[in-house]
Amino acid sequence: LGEAAQAELATAAEALRPICHARDVALLTTDAYGRVEALGLDGAHLDAQAAAQSTARARLGPERIMGVHCGRSLDRCFEAGDRRADYVSVGPVGDDLDAEDPGLWTVLEAWREHVVLPLVIEGDLSPASAARLAPWADFIALGAPIWDAPDGPGAAVSRYLKALDAARDADPGG
């Protein structure tokens, strides 16, 4: 809701904040880092634009979360880390992982080998694809597969959790 009107964002924040915080889940907005403090949010998820990151980090301070979407660019990921991002995200990733361009796999491999900053993979993934990517990521961000599921978000989340649990159980190091 980063581009939402102030009233719409405030209404959503009021409704979601107690639910999220009761479950120890951070509540972020997209890009609207200037609204974070007033709305009692935990931080903002930003585009990879350097100027916005520097300004946002200064405004958010060290106590609030700043995440940065970096597309599929390893350089952008490293730059976001240099600007004190709390996490970076890559994507969007499509469901056909075998057809993904080499840039995605280059980022994932380099990040796993060299960086401790949390990595989020974003995409419209099936439960099987999410499970396949889980060893590469600290978090997987899903949108439409959850909210647009014909049997509802709860059932969709259950499918993803089942697939992720099975993948973890199959990989003792995962």
Protein backbone atom coordinates (compact mmCIF):
# COMPACT_ATOMS: atom_id res chain seq x y z
CA LEU A 1 0.00 0.00 0.00
CA GLY A 2 2.99 2.31 -0.44
CA GLU A 3 1.16 4.42 -3.01
CA ALA A 4 -2.16 4.39 -1.15
CA ALA A 5 -3.77 7.53 0.16
CA GLN A 6 -2.81 8.45 3.72
CA ALA A 7 -6.24 7.50 5.10
CA GLU A 8 -6.21 4.09 3.39
CA LEU A 9 -2.71 3.33 4.63
CA ALA A 10 -3.62 4.46 8.16
CA THR A 11 -6.72 2.24 8.19
CA ALA A 12 -4.71 -0.77 7.02
CA ALA A 13 -1.94 -0.10 9.55
CA GLU A 14 -4.44 0.19 12.41
CA ALA A 15 -6.03 -3.14 11.45
CA LEU A 16 -2.82 -5.06 10.75
CA ARG A 17 -0.42 -3.74 13.41
CA PRO A 18 -1.93 -5.59 16.39
CA ILE A 19 -2.31 -8.81 14.39
CA CYS A 20 1.29 -8.70 13.16
CA HIS A 21 2.86 -7.62 16.42
CA ALA A 22 0.97 -10.25 18.43
CA ARG A 23 2.67 -12.83 16.21
CA ASP A 24 6.09 -11.16 16.17
CA VAL A 25 5.73 -10.32 12.47
CA ALA A 26 7.13 -7.07 11.11
CA LEU A 27 4.71 -4.75 9.31
CA LEU A 28 6.30 -2.85 6.41
CA THR A 29 5.07 -0.54 3.71
CA THR A 30 6.37 -0.37 0.17
CA ASP A 31 8.39 2.78 -0.57
CA ALA A 32 6.43 5.07 1.79
CA TYR A 33 9.27 5.32 4.31
CA GLY A 34 8.16 8.84 5.28
CA ARG A 35 4.94 7.40 6.76
CA VAL A 36 6.50 4.59 8.79
CA GLU A 37 6.92 6.34 12.14
CA ALA A 38 3.54 8.11 12.13
CA LEU A 39 1.74 4.85 11.34
CA GLY A 40 3.67 2.78 13.86
CA LEU A 41 5.08 0.49 11.18
CA ASP A 42 8.28 -1.49 11.53
CA GLY A 43 9.89 -0.29 8.32
CA ALA A 44 9.77 0.02 4.55
CA HIS A 45 10.55 -2.11 1.52
CA LEU A 46 12.22 0.04 -1.15
CA ASP A 47 13.17 -0.01 -4.80
CA ALA A 48 16.88 -0.22 -5.55
CA GLN A 49 17.32 3.52 -6.17
CA ALA A 50 20.41 4.66 -4.29
CA ALA A 51 19.16 8.13 -3.36
CA ALA A 52 15.94 6.80 -1.85
CA GLN A 53 17.86 4.20 0.16
CA SER A 54 20.21 6.75 1.70
CA THR A 55 17.35 9.11 2.54
CA ALA A 56 15.19 6.30 3.89
CA ARG A 57 17.95 4.90 6.09
CA ALA A 58 18.52 8.33 7.61
CA ARG A 59 14.80 8.88 8.18
CA LEU A 60 14.07 5.38 9.50
CA GLY A 61 17.06 5.29 11.78
CA PRO A 62 18.70 2.08 12.92
CA GLU A 63 15.67 0.81 14.83
CA ARG A 64 13.35 0.44 11.82
CA ILE A 65 13.68 -2.09 9.00
CA MET A 66 14.83 -1.08 5.54
CA GLY A 67 14.58 -3.75 2.87
CA VAL A 68 15.65 -3.19 -0.72
CA HIS A 69 14.40 -4.89 -3.87
CA CYS A 70 17.39 -5.40 -6.17
CA GLY A 71 15.92 -7.16 -9.18
CA ARG A 72 18.50 -9.74 -10.23
CA SER A 73 21.56 -7.57 -9.82
CA LEU A 74 24.29 -8.77 -7.50
CA ASP A 75 25.83 -5.28 -7.62
CA ARG A 76 22.57 -3.72 -6.41
CA CYS A 77 22.42 -6.27 -3.60
CA PHE A 78 25.92 -5.36 -2.44
CA GLU A 79 25.18 -1.63 -2.77
CA ALA A 80 22.01 -2.01 -0.67
CA GLY A 81 24.08 -3.78 1.96
CA ASP A 82 26.58 -0.92 1.90
CA ARG A 83 23.66 1.48 2.52
CA ARG A 84 22.77 -0.52 5.63
CA ALA A 85 19.75 -2.39 4.29
CA ASP A 86 18.43 -4.93 6.76
CA TYR A 87 17.65 -7.35 3.95
CA VAL A 88 17.69 -7.49 0.15
CA SER A 89 15.16 -9.11 -2.15
CA VAL A 90 15.61 -10.53 -5.62
CA GLY A 91 13.04 -11.25 -8.28
CA PRO A 92 10.45 -11.46 -9.43
CA VAL A 93 11.12 -15.13 -9.97
CA GLY A 94 8.83 -17.12 -12.23
CA ASP A 95 7.54 -20.57 -11.50
CA ASP A 96 9.65 -22.26 -14.22
CA LEU A 97 12.94 -22.26 -12.34
CA ASP A 98 14.77 -24.23 -15.02
CA ALA A 99 14.08 -21.40 -17.51
CA GLU A 100 15.30 -18.63 -15.18
CA ASP A 101 18.13 -16.56 -16.56
CA PRO A 102 21.63 -17.15 -15.18
CA GLY A 103 21.55 -13.79 -13.37
CA LEU A 104 19.23 -15.15 -10.71
CA TRP A 105 21.39 -18.17 -10.00
CA THR A 106 24.54 -16.03 -9.96
CA VAL A 107 23.02 -13.78 -7.30
CA LEU A 108 21.79 -16.70 -5.21
CA GLU A 109 25.09 -18.56 -5.30
CA ALA A 110 27.22 -15.49 -4.55
CA TRP A 111 24.91 -14.37 -1.77
CA ARG A 112 24.94 -17.79 -0.10
CA GLU A 113 28.72 -17.99 -0.25
CA HIS A 114 29.72 -14.46 0.77
CA VAL A 115 26.99 -12.54 2.59
CA VAL A 116 25.14 -12.85 5.88
CA LEU A 117 22.52 -10.19 5.16
CA PRO A 118 19.08 -11.85 4.84
CA LEU A 119 17.89 -12.61 1.32
CA VAL A 120 14.24 -12.60 0.22
CA ILE A 121 13.15 -14.23 -3.04
CA GLU A 122 10.01 -12.64 -4.53
CA GLY A 123 7.77 -14.27 -7.08
CA ASP A 124 4.57 -15.97 -8.09
CA LEU A 125 5.77 -19.44 -7.23
CA SER A 126 4.05 -22.77 -6.79
CA PRO A 127 4.58 -24.56 -3.48
CA ALA A 128 7.06 -26.92 -5.20
CA SER A 129 9.10 -24.03 -6.65
CA ALA A 130 9.08 -22.19 -3.32
CA ALA A 131 10.38 -25.35 -1.65
CA ARG A 132 13.10 -25.69 -4.29
CA LEU A 133 14.24 -22.11 -3.65
CA ALA A 134 13.99 -22.29 0.14
CA PRO A 135 17.61 -23.39 0.69
CA TRP A 136 18.78 -20.24 -1.10
CA ALA A 137 16.66 -17.75 0.83
CA ASP A 138 15.94 -16.57 4.32
CA PHE A 139 12.39 -15.65 3.25
CA ILE A 140 10.14 -16.18 0.25
CA ALA A 141 7.66 -13.41 -0.58
CA LEU A 142 4.49 -14.48 -2.33
CA GLY A 143 1.63 -12.33 -3.51
CA ALA A 144 -0.98 -13.53 -5.94
CA PRO A 145 -0.52 -17.26 -5.22
CA ILE A 146 -1.72 -16.60 -1.67
CA TRP A 147 -4.33 -13.86 -2.07
CA ASP A 148 -5.83 -15.14 -5.33
CA ALA A 149 -6.05 -18.83 -4.36
CA PRO A 150 -9.52 -20.17 -5.26
CA ASP A 151 -9.85 -21.89 -1.89
CA GLY A 152 -8.63 -18.85 0.06
CA PRO A 153 -5.39 -17.57 1.58
CA GLY A 154 -5.47 -19.93 4.58
CA ALA A 155 -5.56 -23.03 2.40
CA ALA A 156 -2.85 -21.63 0.15
CA VAL A 157 -0.55 -20.89 3.09
CA SER A 158 -1.13 -24.46 4.35
CA ARG A 159 0.00 -25.85 0.99
CA TYR A 160 3.16 -23.75 1.03
CA LEU A 161 3.99 -24.69 4.61
CA LYS A 162 3.52 -28.38 3.82
CA ALA A 163 5.86 -28.14 0.80
CA LEU A 164 8.46 -26.16 2.75
CA ASP A 165 8.32 -28.58 5.69
CA ALA A 166 8.78 -31.55 3.32
CA ALA A 167 11.77 -29.86 1.69
CA ARG A 168 13.34 -29.12 5.07
CA ASP A 169 12.74 -32.70 6.24
CA ALA A 170 14.37 -34.04 3.06
CA ASP A 171 17.45 -31.84 3.56
CA PRO A 172 18.99 -32.36 7.03
CA GLY A 173 21.22 -29.33 6.44
CA GLY A 174 18.25 -27.11 5.48
